[in-house]
Amino acid sequence: MAFEVRYSAEAERNLDDILLWLMVERQAGETGLRWFQGLQTRVATLAEMPERCPLAAESSSLGLPVRLLLYGRRPRVYRILFTIDGEVVHILAIRRPYEEAPSMHGA
């Protein structure tokens, strides 16, 4: 079963911020673009079997089954937080290492 993957407004802002950070602050060039494309590819894998991902620690405090997909290498592991609603995967937020949980305003 294929799921539709949708980004919340917050997750889209997160992607914009990550790309800006890579290209402007880090001046990562082609390497940064490849890494960013890898992040997007990793998110796209949620179209197949998103249930394979564990519940995030935030689930209990939010009262929602928020799941977690990781991308990157330690210590720079990014956290992709999402929910599943029927046949739709909702990407809530993409957090940089050491960043807080999503605000859940758009959930």
PDB file of N, CA and C in Angstrom:
ATOM      1  N   MET A   1       0.833  -1.181   0.000  1.00  0.00           N
ATOM      2  CA  MET A   1       0.000   0.000   0.000  1.00  0.00           C
ATOM      3  C   MET A   1       0.875   1.240   0.000  1.00  0.00           C
ATOM      4  N   ALA A   2       0.641   2.128  -0.922  1.00  0.00           N
ATOM      5  CA  ALA A   2       1.409   3.371  -1.004  1.00  0.00           C
ATOM      6  C   ALA A   2       0.674   4.473  -0.242  1.00  0.00           C
ATOM      7  N   PHE A   3       1.434   5.196   0.542  1.00  0.00           N
ATOM      8  CA  PHE A   3       0.909   6.318   1.307  1.00  0.00           C
ATOM      9  C   PHE A   3       1.261   7.623   0.599  1.00  0.00           C
ATOM     10  N   GLU A   4       0.420   8.617   0.776  1.00  0.00           N
ATOM     11  CA  GLU A   4       0.729   9.967   0.298  1.00  0.00           C
ATOM     12  C   GLU A   4       1.504  10.670   1.404  1.00  0.00           C
ATOM     13  N   VAL A   5       2.591  11.323   1.058  1.00  0.00           N
ATOM     14  CA  VAL A   5       3.405  12.046   2.034  1.00  0.00           C
ATOM     15  C   VAL A   5       3.133  13.545   1.866  1.00  0.00           C
ATOM     16  N   ARG A   6       2.685  14.173   2.954  1.00  0.00           N
ATOM     17  CA  ARG A   6       2.386  15.609   2.936  1.00  0.00           C
ATOM     18  C   ARG A   6       3.198  16.314   4.014  1.00  0.00           C
ATOM     19  N   TYR A   7       3.703  17.485   3.653  1.00  0.00           N
ATOM     20  CA  TYR A   7       4.472  18.302   4.590  1.00  0.00           C
ATOM     21  C   TYR A   7       3.576  19.358   5.222  1.00  0.00           C
ATOM     22  N   SER A   8       3.691  19.540   6.525  1.00  0.00           N
ATOM     23  CA  SER A   8       3.013  20.652   7.187  1.00  0.00           C
ATOM     24  C   SER A   8       3.754  21.937   6.833  1.00  0.00           C
ATOM     25  N   ALA A   9       3.132  23.065   7.109  1.00  0.00           N
ATOM     26  CA  ALA A   9       3.791  24.353   6.871  1.00  0.00           C
ATOM     27  C   ALA A   9       5.077  24.448   7.692  1.00  0.00           C
ATOM     28  N   GLU A  10       5.046  23.933   8.914  1.00  0.00           N
ATOM     29  CA  GLU A  10       6.239  23.957   9.756  1.00  0.00           C
ATOM     30  C   GLU A  10       7.357  23.116   9.153  1.00  0.00           C
ATOM     31  N   ALA A  11       7.027  21.934   8.647  1.00  0.00           N
ATOM     32  CA  ALA A  11       8.043  21.068   8.032  1.00  0.00           C
ATOM     33  C   ALA A  11       8.628  21.719   6.780  1.00  0.00           C
ATOM     34  N   GLU A  12       7.809  22.399   5.997  1.00  0.00           N
ATOM     35  CA  GLU A  12       8.317  23.114   4.826  1.00  0.00           C
ATOM     36  C   GLU A  12       9.264  24.230   5.242  1.00  0.00           C
ATOM     37  N   ARG A  13       8.923  24.948   6.310  1.00  0.00           N
ATOM     38  CA  ARG A  13       9.832  25.984   6.831  1.00  0.00           C
ATOM     39  C   ARG A  13      11.133  25.359   7.307  1.00  0.00           C
ATOM     40  N   ASN A  14      11.032  24.203   7.961  1.00  0.00           N
ATOM     41  CA  ASN A  14      12.236  23.501   8.406  1.00  0.00           C
ATOM     42  C   ASN A  14      13.146  23.175   7.238  1.00  0.00           C
ATOM     43  N   LEU A  15      12.562  22.660   6.144  1.00  0.00           N
ATOM     44  CA  LEU A  15      13.360  22.347   4.954  1.00  0.00           C
ATOM     45  C   LEU A  15      14.026  23.600   4.400  1.00  0.00           C
ATOM     46  N   ASP A  16      13.267  24.690   4.305  1.00  0.00           N
ATOM     47  CA  ASP A  16      13.836  25.954   3.812  1.00  0.00           C
ATOM     48  C   ASP A  16      14.994  26.401   4.684  1.00  0.00           C
ATOM     49  N   ASP A  17      14.816  26.322   6.006  1.00  0.00           N
ATOM     50  CA  ASP A  17      15.867  26.736   6.938  1.00  0.00           C
ATOM     51  C   ASP A  17      17.110  25.865   6.812  1.00  0.00           C
ATOM     52  N   ILE A  18      16.907  24.563   6.653  1.00  0.00           N
ATOM     53  CA  ILE A  18      18.041  23.638   6.512  1.00  0.00           C
ATOM     54  C   ILE A  18      18.811  23.935   5.228  1.00  0.00           C
ATOM     55  N   LEU A  19      18.089  24.146   4.133  1.00  0.00           N
ATOM     56  CA  LEU A  19      18.751  24.437   2.865  1.00  0.00           C
ATOM     57  C   LEU A  19      19.502  25.761   2.933  1.00  0.00           C
ATOM     58  N   LEU A  20      18.886  26.769   3.523  1.00  0.00           N
ATOM     59  CA  LEU A  20      19.550  28.070   3.679  1.00  0.00           C
ATOM     60  C   LEU A  20      20.817  27.927   4.515  1.00  0.00           C
ATOM     61  N   TRP A  21      20.724  27.187   5.611  1.00  0.00           N
ATOM     62  CA  TRP A  21      21.879  26.980   6.475  1.00  0.00           C
ATOM     63  C   TRP A  21      23.004  26.277   5.716  1.00  0.00           C
ATOM     64  N   LEU A  22      22.647  25.237   4.957  1.00  0.00           N
ATOM     65  CA  LEU A  22      23.664  24.499   4.197  1.00  0.00           C
ATOM     66  C   LEU A  22      24.354  25.382   3.160  1.00  0.00           C
ATOM     67  N   MET A  23      23.551  26.130   2.406  1.00  0.00           N
ATOM     68  CA  MET A  23      24.095  26.858   1.260  1.00  0.00           C
ATOM     69  C   MET A  23      24.724  28.197   1.637  1.00  0.00           C
ATOM     70  N   VAL A  24      24.192  28.874   2.634  1.00  0.00           N
ATOM     71  CA  VAL A  24      24.705  30.201   2.981  1.00  0.00           C
ATOM     72  C   VAL A  24      25.701  30.134   4.133  1.00  0.00           C
ATOM     73  N   GLU A  25      25.264  29.591   5.259  1.00  0.00           N
ATOM     74  CA  GLU A  25      26.141  29.576   6.425  1.00  0.00           C
ATOM     75  C   GLU A  25      27.290  28.583   6.283  1.00  0.00           C
ATOM     76  N   ARG A  26      26.983  27.395   5.791  1.00  0.00           N
ATOM     77  CA  ARG A  26      28.013  26.365   5.646  1.00  0.00           C
ATOM     78  C   ARG A  26      28.726  26.413   4.301  1.00  0.00           C
ATOM     79  N   GLN A  27      28.125  27.102   3.336  1.00  0.00           N
ATOM     80  CA  GLN A  27      28.657  27.174   1.972  1.00  0.00           C
ATOM     81  C   GLN A  27      29.034  25.774   1.477  1.00  0.00           C
ATOM     82  N   ALA A  28      28.076  24.863   1.609  1.00  0.00           N
ATOM     83  CA  ALA A  28      28.327  23.447   1.355  1.00  0.00           C
ATOM     84  C   ALA A  28      28.310  23.072  -0.123  1.00  0.00           C
ATOM     85  N   GLY A  29      27.824  23.943  -0.993  1.00  0.00           N
ATOM     86  CA  GLY A  29      27.862  23.679  -2.430  1.00  0.00           C
ATOM     87  C   GLY A  29      27.197  22.386  -2.846  1.00  0.00           C
ATOM     88  N   GLU A  30      27.823  21.692  -3.803  1.00  0.00           N
ATOM     89  CA  GLU A  30      27.272  20.450  -4.345  1.00  0.00           C
ATOM     90  C   GLU A  30      27.107  19.373  -3.268  1.00  0.00           C
ATOM     91  N   THR A  31      28.056  19.312  -2.349  1.00  0.00           N
ATOM     92  CA  THR A  31      27.963  18.328  -1.270  1.00  0.00           C
ATOM     93  C   THR A  31      26.722  18.585  -0.433  1.00  0.00           C
ATOM     94  N   GLY A  32      26.460  19.838  -0.125  1.00  0.00           N
ATOM     95  CA  GLY A  32      25.276  20.201   0.641  1.00  0.00           C
ATOM     96  C   GLY A  32      23.994  19.880  -0.103  1.00  0.00           C
ATOM     97  N   LEU A  33      23.986  20.130  -1.403  1.00  0.00           N
ATOM     98  CA  LEU A  33      22.800  19.818  -2.202  1.00  0.00           C
ATOM     99  C   LEU A  33      22.542  18.314  -2.238  1.00  0.00           C
ATOM    100  N   ARG A  34      23.599  17.523  -2.380  1.00  0.00           N
ATOM    101  CA  ARG A  34      23.434  16.067  -2.368  1.00  0.00           C
ATOM    102  C   ARG A  34      22.892  15.589  -1.022  1.00  0.00           C
ATOM    103  N   TRP A  35      23.414  16.161   0.068  1.00  0.00           N
ATOM    104  CA  TRP A  35      22.935  15.790   1.395  1.00  0.00           C
ATOM    105  C   TRP A  35      21.452  16.148   1.534  1.00  0.00           C
ATOM    106  N   PHE A  36      21.087  17.338   1.089  1.00  0.00           N
ATOM    107  CA  PHE A  36      19.700  17.803   1.180  1.00  0.00           C
ATOM    108  C   PHE A  36      18.775  16.910   0.340  1.00  0.00           C
ATOM    109  N   GLN A  37      19.211  16.550  -0.844  1.00  0.00           N
ATOM    110  CA  GLN A  37      18.419  15.642  -1.685  1.00  0.00           C
ATOM    111  C   GLN A  37      18.280  14.277  -1.023  1.00  0.00           C
ATOM    112  N   GLY A  38      19.322  13.851  -0.332  1.00  0.00           N
ATOM    113  CA  GLY A  38      19.246  12.600   0.416  1.00  0.00           C
ATOM    114  C   GLY A  38      18.211  12.662   1.531  1.00  0.00           C
ATOM    115  N   LEU A  39      18.135  13.812   2.187  1.00  0.00           N
ATOM    116  CA  LEU A  39      17.116  14.016   3.218  1.00  0.00           C
ATOM    117  C   LEU A  39      15.721  13.900   2.619  1.00  0.00           C
ATOM    118  N   GLN A  40      15.505  14.541   1.493  1.00  0.00           N
ATOM    119  CA  GLN A  40      14.200  14.472   0.833  1.00  0.00           C
ATOM    120  C   GLN A  40      13.882  13.046   0.376  1.00  0.00           C
ATOM    121  N   THR A  41      14.881  12.344  -0.108  1.00  0.00           N
ATOM    122  CA  THR A  41      14.692  10.953  -0.519  1.00  0.00           C
ATOM    123  C   THR A  41      14.333  10.084   0.674  1.00  0.00           C
ATOM    124  N   ARG A  42      14.986  10.331   1.789  1.00  0.00           N
ATOM    125  CA  ARG A  42      14.692   9.577   3.021  1.00  0.00           C
ATOM    126  C   ARG A  42      13.244   9.795   3.444  1.00  0.00           C
ATOM    127  N   VAL A  43      12.770  11.038   3.402  1.00  0.00           N
ATOM    128  CA  VAL A  43      11.376  11.331   3.747  1.00  0.00           C
ATOM    129  C   VAL A  43      10.439  10.608   2.787  1.00  0.00           C
ATOM    130  N   ALA A  44      10.779  10.587   1.516  1.00  0.00           N
ATOM    131  CA  ALA A  44       9.927   9.943   0.507  1.00  0.00           C
ATOM    132  C   ALA A  44       9.759   8.443   0.766  1.00  0.00           C
ATOM    133  N   THR A  45      10.708   7.823   1.480  1.00  0.00           N
ATOM    134  CA  THR A  45      10.573   6.394   1.781  1.00  0.00           C
ATOM    135  C   THR A  45       9.377   6.114   2.677  1.00  0.00           C
ATOM    136  N   LEU A  46       8.831   7.148   3.294  1.00  0.00           N
ATOM    137  CA  LEU A  46       7.663   6.963   4.159  1.00  0.00           C
ATOM    138  C   LEU A  46       6.405   6.620   3.368  1.00  0.00           C
ATOM    139  N   ALA A  47       6.473   6.741   2.048  1.00  0.00           N
ATOM    140  CA  ALA A  47       5.336   6.344   1.212  1.00  0.00           C
ATOM    141  C   ALA A  47       5.113   4.841   1.277  1.00  0.00           C
ATOM    142  N   GLU A  48       6.133   4.111   1.683  1.00  0.00           N
ATOM    143  CA  GLU A  48       6.040   2.654   1.843  1.00  0.00           C
ATOM    144  C   GLU A  48       6.330   2.296   3.302  1.00  0.00           C
ATOM    145  N   MET A  49       5.431   1.636   3.924  1.00  0.00           N
ATOM    146  CA  MET A  49       5.581   1.110   5.279  1.00  0.00           C
ATOM    147  C   MET A  49       6.034   2.141   6.329  1.00  0.00           C
ATOM    148  N   PRO A  50       5.318   3.239   6.493  1.00  0.00           N
ATOM    149  CA  PRO A  50       5.723   4.213   7.507  1.00  0.00           C
ATOM    150  C   PRO A  50       5.621   3.666   8.930  1.00  0.00           C
ATOM    151  N   GLU A  51       4.828   2.609   9.108  1.00  0.00           N
ATOM    152  CA  GLU A  51       4.673   2.006  10.433  1.00  0.00           C
ATOM    153  C   GLU A  51       5.960   1.361  10.924  1.00  0.00           C
ATOM    154  N   ARG A  52       6.934   1.192  10.031  1.00  0.00           N
ATOM    155  CA  ARG A  52       8.208   0.589  10.423  1.00  0.00           C
ATOM    156  C   ARG A  52       8.971   1.472  11.403  1.00  0.00           C
ATOM    157  N   CYS A  53       8.624   2.745  11.436  1.00  0.00           N
ATOM    158  CA  CYS A  53       9.321   3.700  12.293  1.00  0.00           C
ATOM    159  C   CYS A  53       8.735   3.677  13.700  1.00  0.00           C
ATOM    160  N   PRO A  54       9.590   3.806  14.700  1.00  0.00           N
ATOM    161  CA  PRO A  54       9.108   3.751  16.083  1.00  0.00           C
ATOM    162  C   PRO A  54       8.375   5.029  16.479  1.00  0.00           C
ATOM    163  N   LEU A  55       7.633   4.925  17.562  1.00  0.00           N
ATOM    164  CA  LEU A  55       7.014   6.117  18.126  1.00  0.00           C
ATOM    165  C   LEU A  55       8.097   6.998  18.719  1.00  0.00           C
ATOM    166  N   ALA A  56       7.935   8.296  18.551  1.00  0.00           N
ATOM    167  CA  ALA A  56       8.872   9.269  19.113  1.00  0.00           C
ATOM    168  C   ALA A  56       8.593   9.441  20.601  1.00  0.00           C
ATOM    169  N   ALA A  57       9.578   9.862  21.335  1.00  0.00           N
ATOM    170  CA  ALA A  57       9.413  10.103  22.773  1.00  0.00           C
ATOM    171  C   ALA A  57       8.305  11.128  23.038  1.00  0.00           C
ATOM    172  N   GLU A  58       8.094  12.042  22.107  1.00  0.00           N
ATOM    173  CA  GLU A  58       7.083  13.090  22.270  1.00  0.00           C
ATOM    174  C   GLU A  58       5.654  12.556  22.255  1.00  0.00           C
ATOM    175  N   SER A  59       5.451  11.363  21.746  1.00  0.00           N
ATOM    176  CA  SER A  59       4.107  10.794  21.614  1.00  0.00           C
ATOM    177  C   SER A  59       3.332  10.810  22.924  1.00  0.00           C
ATOM    178  N   SER A  60       3.970  10.386  23.994  1.00  0.00           N
ATOM    179  CA  SER A  60       3.254  10.287  25.267  1.00  0.00           C
ATOM    180  C   SER A  60       2.817  11.653  25.784  1.00  0.00           C
ATOM    181  N   SER A  61       3.670  12.653  25.672  1.00  0.00           N
ATOM    182  CA  SER A  61       3.307  13.974  26.190  1.00  0.00           C
ATOM    183  C   SER A  61       2.324  14.703  25.277  1.00  0.00           C
ATOM    184  N   LEU A  62       2.319  14.384  23.993  1.00  0.00           N
ATOM    185  CA  LEU A  62       1.424  15.052  23.053  1.00  0.00           C
ATOM    186  C   LEU A  62       0.084  14.335  22.918  1.00  0.00           C
ATOM    187  N   GLY A  63       0.030  13.093  23.342  1.00  0.00           N
ATOM    188  CA  GLY A  63      -1.198  12.332  23.215  1.00  0.00           C
ATOM    189  C   GLY A  63      -1.501  11.941  21.779  1.00  0.00           C
ATOM    190  N   LEU A  64      -0.477  11.949  20.935  1.00  0.00           N
ATOM    191  CA  LEU A  64      -0.610  11.570  19.529  1.00  0.00           C
ATOM    192  C   LEU A  64       0.425  10.505  19.204  1.00  0.00           C
ATOM    193  N   PRO A  65       0.110   9.600  18.287  1.00  0.00           N
ATOM    194  CA  PRO A  65       1.115   8.626  17.867  1.00  0.00           C
ATOM    195  C   PRO A  65       2.095   9.255  16.857  1.00  0.00           C
ATOM    196  N   VAL A  66       3.008  10.069  17.361  1.00  0.00           N
ATOM    197  CA  VAL A  66       4.019  10.715  16.518  1.00  0.00           C
ATOM    198  C   VAL A  66       5.162   9.735  16.329  1.00  0.00           C
ATOM    199  N   ARG A  67       5.517   9.512  15.082  1.00  0.00           N
ATOM    200  CA  ARG A  67       6.588   8.571  14.755  1.00  0.00           C
ATOM    201  C   ARG A  67       7.863   9.320  14.371  1.00  0.00           C
ATOM    202  N   LEU A  68       8.940   8.573  14.340  1.00  0.00           N
ATOM    203  CA  LEU A  68      10.268   9.149  14.172  1.00  0.00           C
ATOM    204  C   LEU A  68      11.043   8.418  13.086  1.00  0.00           C
ATOM    205  N   LEU A  69      11.601   9.192  12.148  1.00  0.00           N
ATOM    206  CA  LEU A  69      12.513   8.687  11.130  1.00  0.00           C
ATOM    207  C   LEU A  69      13.799   9.500  11.262  1.00  0.00           C
ATOM    208  N   LEU A  70      14.933   8.836  11.252  1.00  0.00           N
ATOM    209  CA  LEU A  70      16.217   9.516  11.420  1.00  0.00           C
ATOM    210  C   LEU A  70      16.941   9.650  10.086  1.00  0.00           C
ATOM    211  N   TYR A  71      17.736  10.725   9.976  1.00  0.00           N
ATOM    212  CA  TYR A  71      18.567  10.916   8.794  1.00  0.00           C
ATOM    213  C   TYR A  71      19.874  11.577   9.216  1.00  0.00           C
ATOM    214  N   GLY A  72      20.966  11.044   8.736  1.00  0.00           N
ATOM    215  CA  GLY A  72      22.270  11.632   9.017  1.00  0.00           C
ATOM    216  C   GLY A  72      23.123  10.688   9.845  1.00  0.00           C
ATOM    217  N   ARG A  73      24.296  11.178  10.190  1.00  0.00           N
ATOM    218  CA  ARG A  73      25.245  10.412  10.998  1.00  0.00           C
ATOM    219  C   ARG A  73      25.498  11.152  12.302  1.00  0.00           C
ATOM    220  N   ARG A  74      25.753  10.388  13.331  1.00  0.00           N
ATOM    221  CA  ARG A  74      26.053  10.996  14.623  1.00  0.00           C
ATOM    222  C   ARG A  74      27.282  11.863  14.511  1.00  0.00           C
ATOM    223  N   PRO A  75      27.317  12.977  15.137  1.00  0.00           N
ATOM    224  CA  PRO A  75      26.327  13.546  16.041  1.00  0.00           C
ATOM    225  C   PRO A  75      25.277  14.413  15.326  1.00  0.00           C
ATOM    226  N   ARG A  76      25.261  14.413  14.020  1.00  0.00           N
ATOM    227  CA  ARG A  76      24.366  15.293  13.253  1.00  0.00           C
ATOM    228  C   ARG A  76      23.166  14.531  12.696  1.00  0.00           C
ATOM    229  N   VAL A  77      22.404  13.925  13.566  1.00  0.00           N
ATOM    230  CA  VAL A  77      21.237  13.158  13.156  1.00  0.00           C
ATOM    231  C   VAL A  77      20.004  14.053  13.197  1.00  0.00           C
ATOM    232  N   TYR A  78      19.329  14.125  12.073  1.00  0.00           N
ATOM    233  CA  TYR A  78      18.101  14.900  11.973  1.00  0.00           C
ATOM    234  C   TYR A  78      16.918  13.997  12.283  1.00  0.00           C
ATOM    235  N   ARG A  79      15.907  14.571  12.921  1.00  0.00           N
ATOM    236  CA  ARG A  79      14.721  13.824  13.344  1.00  0.00           C
ATOM    237  C   ARG A  79      13.529  14.261  12.501  1.00  0.00           C
ATOM    238  N   ILE A  80      12.936  13.330  11.798  1.00  0.00           N
ATOM    239  CA  ILE A  80      11.753  13.599  10.980  1.00  0.00           C
ATOM    240  C   ILE A  80      10.566  13.068  11.773  1.00  0.00           C
ATOM    241  N   LEU A  81       9.699  13.966  12.210  1.00  0.00           N
ATOM    242  CA  LEU A  81       8.565  13.608  13.050  1.00  0.00           C
ATOM    243  C   LEU A  81       7.295  13.640  12.216  1.00  0.00           C
ATOM    244  N   PHE A  82       6.506  12.567  12.326  1.00  0.00           N
ATOM    245  CA  PHE A  82       5.330  12.462  11.465  1.00  0.00           C
ATOM    246  C   PHE A  82       4.229  11.651  12.131  1.00  0.00           C
ATOM    247  N   THR A  83       3.029  11.794  11.583  1.00  0.00           N
ATOM    248  CA  THR A  83       1.890  10.982  11.991  1.00  0.00           C
ATOM    249  C   THR A  83       1.345  10.276  10.754  1.00  0.00           C
ATOM    250  N   ILE A  84       0.557   9.255  10.998  1.00  0.00           N
ATOM    251  CA  ILE A  84      -0.098   8.525   9.914  1.00  0.00           C
ATOM    252  C   ILE A  84      -1.600   8.649  10.132  1.00  0.00           C
ATOM    253  N   ASP A  85      -2.296   9.106   9.098  1.00  0.00           N
ATOM    254  CA  ASP A  85      -3.746   9.253   9.165  1.00  0.00           C
ATOM    255  C   ASP A  85      -4.339   8.567   7.939  1.00  0.00           C
ATOM    256  N   GLY A  86      -4.824   7.359   8.126  1.00  0.00           N
ATOM    257  CA  GLY A  86      -5.343   6.604   6.995  1.00  0.00           C
ATOM    258  C   GLY A  86      -4.225   6.289   6.022  1.00  0.00           C
ATOM    259  N   GLU A  87      -4.338   6.823   4.807  1.00  0.00           N
ATOM    260  CA  GLU A  87      -3.327   6.591   3.776  1.00  0.00           C
ATOM    261  C   GLU A  87      -2.411   7.792   3.571  1.00  0.00           C
ATOM    262  N   VAL A  88      -2.390   8.704   4.560  1.00  0.00           N
ATOM    263  CA  VAL A  88      -1.587   9.916   4.449  1.00  0.00           C
ATOM    264  C   VAL A  88      -0.569   9.977   5.587  1.00  0.00           C
ATOM    265  N   VAL A  89       0.677  10.229   5.226  1.00  0.00           N
ATOM    266  CA  VAL A  89       1.744  10.474   6.188  1.00  0.00           C
ATOM    267  C   VAL A  89       1.910  11.986   6.266  1.00  0.00           C
ATOM    268  N   HIS A  90       1.721  12.528   7.462  1.00  0.00           N
ATOM    269  CA  HIS A  90       1.850  13.969   7.677  1.00  0.00           C
ATOM    270  C   HIS A  90       3.211  14.248   8.320  1.00  0.00           C
ATOM    271  N   ILE A  91       4.090  14.916   7.578  1.00  0.00           N
ATOM    272  CA  ILE A  91       5.389  15.303   8.131  1.00  0.00           C
ATOM    273  C   ILE A  91       5.138  16.548   8.972  1.00  0.00           C
ATOM    274  N   LEU A  92       5.337  16.428  10.274  1.00  0.00           N
ATOM    275  CA  LEU A  92       5.066  17.534  11.185  1.00  0.00           C
ATOM    276  C   LEU A  92       6.237  18.501  11.276  1.00  0.00           C
ATOM    277  N   ALA A  93       7.438  17.938  11.365  1.00  0.00           N
ATOM    278  CA  ALA A  93       8.628  18.766  11.549  1.00  0.00           C
ATOM    279  C   ALA A  93       9.869  17.962  11.208  1.00  0.00           C
ATOM    280  N   ILE A  94      10.911  18.691  10.847  1.00  0.00           N
ATOM    281  CA  ILE A  94      12.228  18.092  10.634  1.00  0.00           C
ATOM    282  C   ILE A  94      13.166  18.851  11.554  1.00  0.00           C
ATOM    283  N   ARG A  95      13.649  18.169  12.554  1.00  0.00           N
ATOM    284  CA  ARG A  95      14.442  18.807  13.596  1.00  0.00           C
ATOM    285  C   ARG A  95      15.920  18.522  13.431  1.00  0.00           C
ATOM    286  N   ARG A  96      16.684  19.581  13.599  1.00  0.00           N
ATOM    287  CA  ARG A  96      18.137  19.455  13.620  1.00  0.00           C
ATOM    288  C   ARG A  96      18.556  18.778  14.920  1.00  0.00           C
ATOM    289  N   PRO A  97      19.790  18.322  14.979  1.00  0.00           N
ATOM    290  CA  PRO A  97      20.252  17.738  16.243  1.00  0.00           C
ATOM    291  C   PRO A  97      20.075  18.741  17.390  1.00  0.00           C
ATOM    292  N   TYR A  98      19.635  18.259  18.514  1.00  0.00           N
ATOM    293  CA  TYR A  98      19.456  19.030  19.748  1.00  0.00           C
ATOM    294  C   TYR A  98      18.291  20.022  19.698  1.00  0.00           C
ATOM    295  N   GLU A  99      17.466  19.959  18.661  1.00  0.00           N
ATOM    296  CA  GLU A  99      16.338  20.863  18.551  1.00  0.00           C
ATOM    297  C   GLU A  99      15.122  20.260  19.250  1.00  0.00           C
ATOM    298  N   GLU A 100      14.250  21.127  19.740  1.00  0.00           N
ATOM    299  CA  GLU A 100      13.065  20.686  20.474  1.00  0.00           C
ATOM    300  C   GLU A 100      12.049  20.003  19.560  1.00  0.00           C
ATOM    301  N   ALA A 101      11.052  19.406  20.197  1.00  0.00           N
ATOM    302  CA  ALA A 101       9.949  18.747  19.501  1.00  0.00           C
ATOM    303  C   ALA A 101       9.115  19.774  18.764  1.00  0.00           C
ATOM    304  N   PRO A 102       8.297  19.334  17.798  1.00  0.00           N
ATOM    305  CA  PRO A 102       7.458  20.271  17.058  1.00  0.00           C
ATOM    306  C   PRO A 102       6.411  20.901  17.954  1.00  0.00           C
ATOM    307  N   SER A 103       5.986  22.082  17.585  1.00  0.00           N
ATOM    308  CA  SER A 103       4.979  22.794  18.360  1.00  0.00           C
ATOM    309  C   SER A 103       3.608  22.173  18.186  1.00  0.00           C
ATOM    310  N   MET A 104       3.410  21.453  17.090  1.00  0.00           N
ATOM    311  CA  MET A 104       2.171  20.747  16.785  1.00  0.00           C
ATOM    312  C   MET A 104       1.026  21.693  16.427  1.00  0.00           C
ATOM    313  N   HIS A 105       1.301  22.957  16.109  1.00  0.00           N
ATOM    314  CA  HIS A 105       0.246  23.888  15.757  1.00  0.00           C
ATOM    315  C   HIS A 105      -0.480  23.472  14.499  1.00  0.00           C
ATOM    316  N   GLY A 106       0.232  22.870  13.552  1.00  0.00           N
ATOM    317  CA  GLY A 106      -0.387  22.488  12.284  1.00  0.00           C
ATOM    318  C   GLY A 106      -0.900  21.070  12.260  1.00  0.00           C
ATOM    319  N   ALA A 107      -0.776  20.352  13.371  1.00  0.00           N
ATOM    320  CA  ALA A 107      -1.171  18.938  13.382  1.00  0.00           C
ATOM    321  C   ALA A 107      -2.660  18.770  13.547  1.00  0.00           C
TER     322      ALA A 107
END
